[in-house]
Every structure is written in C-alpha cells, then in structure tokens.
C-alpha atoms as a PDB file:
ATOM      1  CA  MET A   1      10.821  -8.690   6.589  1.00  0.00           C
ATOM      2  CA  LYS A   2      10.376  -8.611   2.836  1.00  0.00           C
ATOM      3  CA  ILE A   3       7.222  -7.213   1.284  1.00  0.00           C
ATOM      4  CA  PRO A   4       4.905 -10.058   0.181  1.00  0.00           C
ATOM      5  CA  PHE A   5       3.569  -9.611  -3.370  1.00  0.00           C
ATOM      6  CA  LYS A   6       2.025 -11.450  -6.313  1.00  0.00           C
ATOM      7  CA  ARG A   7       3.024 -10.939  -9.935  1.00  0.00           C
ATOM      8  CA  THR A   8       0.478  -9.756 -12.495  1.00  0.00           C
ATOM      9  CA  LYS A   9       0.767  -9.005 -16.203  1.00  0.00           C
ATOM     10  CA  ASN A  10       1.123  -5.266 -15.431  1.00  0.00           C
ATOM     11  CA  GLY A  11       3.364  -5.472 -12.369  1.00  0.00           C
ATOM     12  CA  VAL A  12       2.711  -6.743  -8.844  1.00  0.00           C
ATOM     13  CA  THR A  13      -0.158  -6.707  -6.351  1.00  0.00           C
ATOM     14  CA  VAL A  14       0.103  -6.277  -2.602  1.00  0.00           C
ATOM     15  CA  ASN A  15      -2.520  -6.967   0.076  1.00  0.00           C
ATOM     16  CA  VAL A  16      -2.893  -3.904   2.286  1.00  0.00           C
ATOM     17  CA  LYS A  17      -4.794  -3.275   5.510  1.00  0.00           C
ATOM     18  CA  VAL A  18      -5.126   0.405   6.380  1.00  0.00           C
ATOM     19  CA  GLN A  19      -5.645   2.010   9.753  1.00  0.00           C
ATOM     20  CA  PRO A  20      -7.026   5.520   9.151  1.00  0.00           C
ATOM     21  CA  ARG A  21      -6.907   8.306  11.754  1.00  0.00           C
ATOM     22  CA  SER A  22      -3.781   6.890  13.358  1.00  0.00           C
ATOM     23  CA  SER A  23      -1.635   9.176  15.510  1.00  0.00           C
ATOM     24  CA  ARG A  24       1.283   8.729  13.069  1.00  0.00           C
ATOM     25  CA  ARG A  25       2.073   7.216   9.686  1.00  0.00           C
ATOM     26  CA  GLY A  26       3.852   3.887   9.350  1.00  0.00           C
ATOM     27  CA  ILE A  27       4.135   0.564   7.518  1.00  0.00           C
ATOM     28  CA  ASP A  28       4.537  -2.917   8.972  1.00  0.00           C
ATOM     29  CA  ILE A  29       4.193  -6.457   7.606  1.00  0.00           C
ATOM     30  CA  ILE A  30       1.753  -8.879   9.210  1.00  0.00           C
ATOM     31  CA  GLY A  31       1.714 -12.284   7.520  1.00  0.00           C
ATOM     32  CA  ASP A  32       1.193 -11.690   3.798  1.00  0.00           C
ATOM     33  CA  THR A  33      -0.312  -8.212   4.289  1.00  0.00           C
ATOM     34  CA  LEU A  34       1.131  -4.718   4.580  1.00  0.00           C
ATOM     35  CA  LYS A  35      -0.391  -2.812   7.495  1.00  0.00           C
ATOM     36  CA  VAL A  36      -0.311   0.902   6.748  1.00  0.00           C
ATOM     37  CA  LYS A  37      -1.122   3.461   9.434  1.00  0.00           C
ATOM     38  CA  LEU A  38      -2.597   6.657   8.006  1.00  0.00           C
ATOM     39  CA  THR A  39      -3.226   9.986   9.717  1.00  0.00           C
ATOM     40  CA  ALA A  40      -5.931  10.889   7.176  1.00  0.00           C
ATOM     41  CA  PRO A  41      -9.600  10.128   7.882  1.00  0.00           C
ATOM     42  CA  PRO A  42     -11.546   7.765   5.596  1.00  0.00           C
ATOM     43  CA  VAL A  43     -13.575  10.659   4.157  1.00  0.00           C
ATOM     44  CA  ASP A  44     -13.776  11.787   0.506  1.00  0.00           C
ATOM     45  CA  GLY A  45     -10.886   9.509  -0.508  1.00  0.00           C
ATOM     46  CA  ALA A  46      -8.340  11.236   1.757  1.00  0.00           C
ATOM     47  CA  ALA A  47      -7.113   7.957   3.262  1.00  0.00           C
ATOM     48  CA  ASN A  48      -6.732   6.347  -0.185  1.00  0.00           C
ATOM     49  CA  GLU A  49      -4.754   9.363  -1.433  1.00  0.00           C
ATOM     50  CA  GLN A  50      -2.444   9.206   1.571  1.00  0.00           C
ATOM     51  CA  LEU A  51      -2.016   5.436   1.118  1.00  0.00           C
ATOM     52  CA  ILE A  52      -0.897   5.936  -2.486  1.00  0.00           C
ATOM     53  CA  LYS A  53       1.471   8.728  -1.436  1.00  0.00           C
ATOM     54  CA  ILE A  54       3.068   6.638   1.333  1.00  0.00           C
ATOM     55  CA  LEU A  55       3.512   3.598  -0.930  1.00  0.00           C
ATOM     56  CA  SER A  56       4.952   5.802  -3.667  1.00  0.00           C
ATOM     57  CA  GLU A  57       7.519   7.331  -1.302  1.00  0.00           C
ATOM     58  CA  THR A  58       8.404   4.011   0.354  1.00  0.00           C
ATOM     59  CA  LEU A  59       8.733   1.972  -2.844  1.00  0.00           C
ATOM     60  CA  GLY A  60      10.286   4.713  -4.989  1.00  0.00           C
ATOM     61  CA  VAL A  61       7.681   4.596  -7.759  1.00  0.00           C
ATOM     62  CA  GLY A  62       5.435   7.284  -9.194  1.00  0.00           C
ATOM     63  CA  LYS A  63       1.954   7.801  -7.744  1.00  0.00           C
ATOM     64  CA  ARG A  64       0.434   7.140 -11.175  1.00  0.00           C
ATOM     65  CA  SER A  65       1.878   3.606 -11.091  1.00  0.00           C
ATOM     66  CA  ILE A  66      -0.121   2.685  -7.973  1.00  0.00           C
ATOM     67  CA  HIS A  67      -3.802   1.695  -8.224  1.00  0.00           C
ATOM     68  CA  ILE A  68      -6.263   0.355  -5.668  1.00  0.00           C
ATOM     69  CA  VAL A  69      -7.843  -2.545  -7.557  1.00  0.00           C
ATOM     70  CA  LYS A  70     -10.010  -3.931  -4.745  1.00  0.00           C
ATOM     71  CA  GLY A  71     -11.433  -2.485  -1.531  1.00  0.00           C
ATOM     72  CA  LEU A  72     -11.716   1.186  -2.451  1.00  0.00           C
ATOM     73  CA  SER A  73     -14.041   1.830   0.518  1.00  0.00           C
ATOM     74  CA  SER A  74     -12.717  -0.947   2.763  1.00  0.00           C
ATOM     75  CA  ARG A  75      -9.828  -1.170   5.215  1.00  0.00           C
ATOM     76  CA  GLU A  76      -8.594  -4.287   3.413  1.00  0.00           C
ATOM     77  CA  LYS A  77      -7.368  -3.495  -0.090  1.00  0.00           C
ATOM     78  CA  VAL A  78      -5.456  -4.970  -2.998  1.00  0.00           C
ATOM     79  CA  VAL A  79      -3.034  -2.492  -4.533  1.00  0.00           C
ATOM     80  CA  GLU A  80      -1.402  -2.927  -7.947  1.00  0.00           C
ATOM     81  CA  ILE A  81       1.977  -1.380  -8.698  1.00  0.00           C
ATOM     82  CA  GLU A  82       2.568  -1.143 -12.447  1.00  0.00           C
ATOM     83  CA  GLY A  83       5.937  -1.501 -14.119  1.00  0.00           C
ATOM     84  CA  VAL A  84       7.513  -3.441 -11.254  1.00  0.00           C
ATOM     85  CA  GLU A  85       8.481  -7.111 -11.476  1.00  0.00           C
ATOM     86  CA  LYS A  86       9.422  -7.616  -7.819  1.00  0.00           C
ATOM     87  CA  LEU A  87       9.709  -5.764  -4.528  1.00  0.00           C
ATOM     88  CA  ASP A  88      13.195  -6.170  -3.076  1.00  0.00           C
ATOM     89  CA  MET A  89      13.017  -3.817  -0.125  1.00  0.00           C
ATOM     90  CA  GLU A  90      12.468  -4.752   3.488  1.00  0.00           C
ATOM     91  CA  ILE A  91      10.191  -3.001   5.975  1.00  0.00           C
ATOM     92  CA  GLY A  92      10.097  -3.175   9.758  1.00  0.00           C
ATOM     93  CA  LYS A  93      13.428  -4.872  10.403  1.00  0.00           C
END
C-alpha cells in the first residue's frame, strides 16, 4: 500500500497514529493514516524522537526535514516532511 500524503508549500504532510511502548517497532497503513509502533515510552519526548528517527530511516530523508506540526503530546499526529514533493514508496505489502 502506498503512503497517503497531502502536499504543502514546504513538502508533504502525513497523518500518523503512534503506539508507544510496543514490543517492537513497525509501520503499517490503515486508511489514510500511518500507524507507527514505537518501543519508546511517551515520556520527555522519547516517543516523538523515535518516531522522527523511524520515519527518517524509512523514507530516506534527514531527521531535520521531519517536523511534528500537530499532536505533539497526542497519539494522533500530523507530520510534515520538508523538501519532498511526493512519497513513492510502499509499506506493508
């Protein structure tokens, strides 16, 4: 399944739902949302840092290009990826 995204003037945004304190890391697509399983707890920004790291590794972009624009302390977030016009990769075949 292809990653659902919306274009912005700086790049693209992706709806993300995180699951902190999971037994293992992983990414899946549910509807128009990425579901990201994190092993980090939602304490002192650890889960947000791990989310950015996982997205950076998966999408092949630098960590500085990824920003959480909505839902910093929520499980449901909107993440902006700067300098990207589209996301061509597939996840969870």
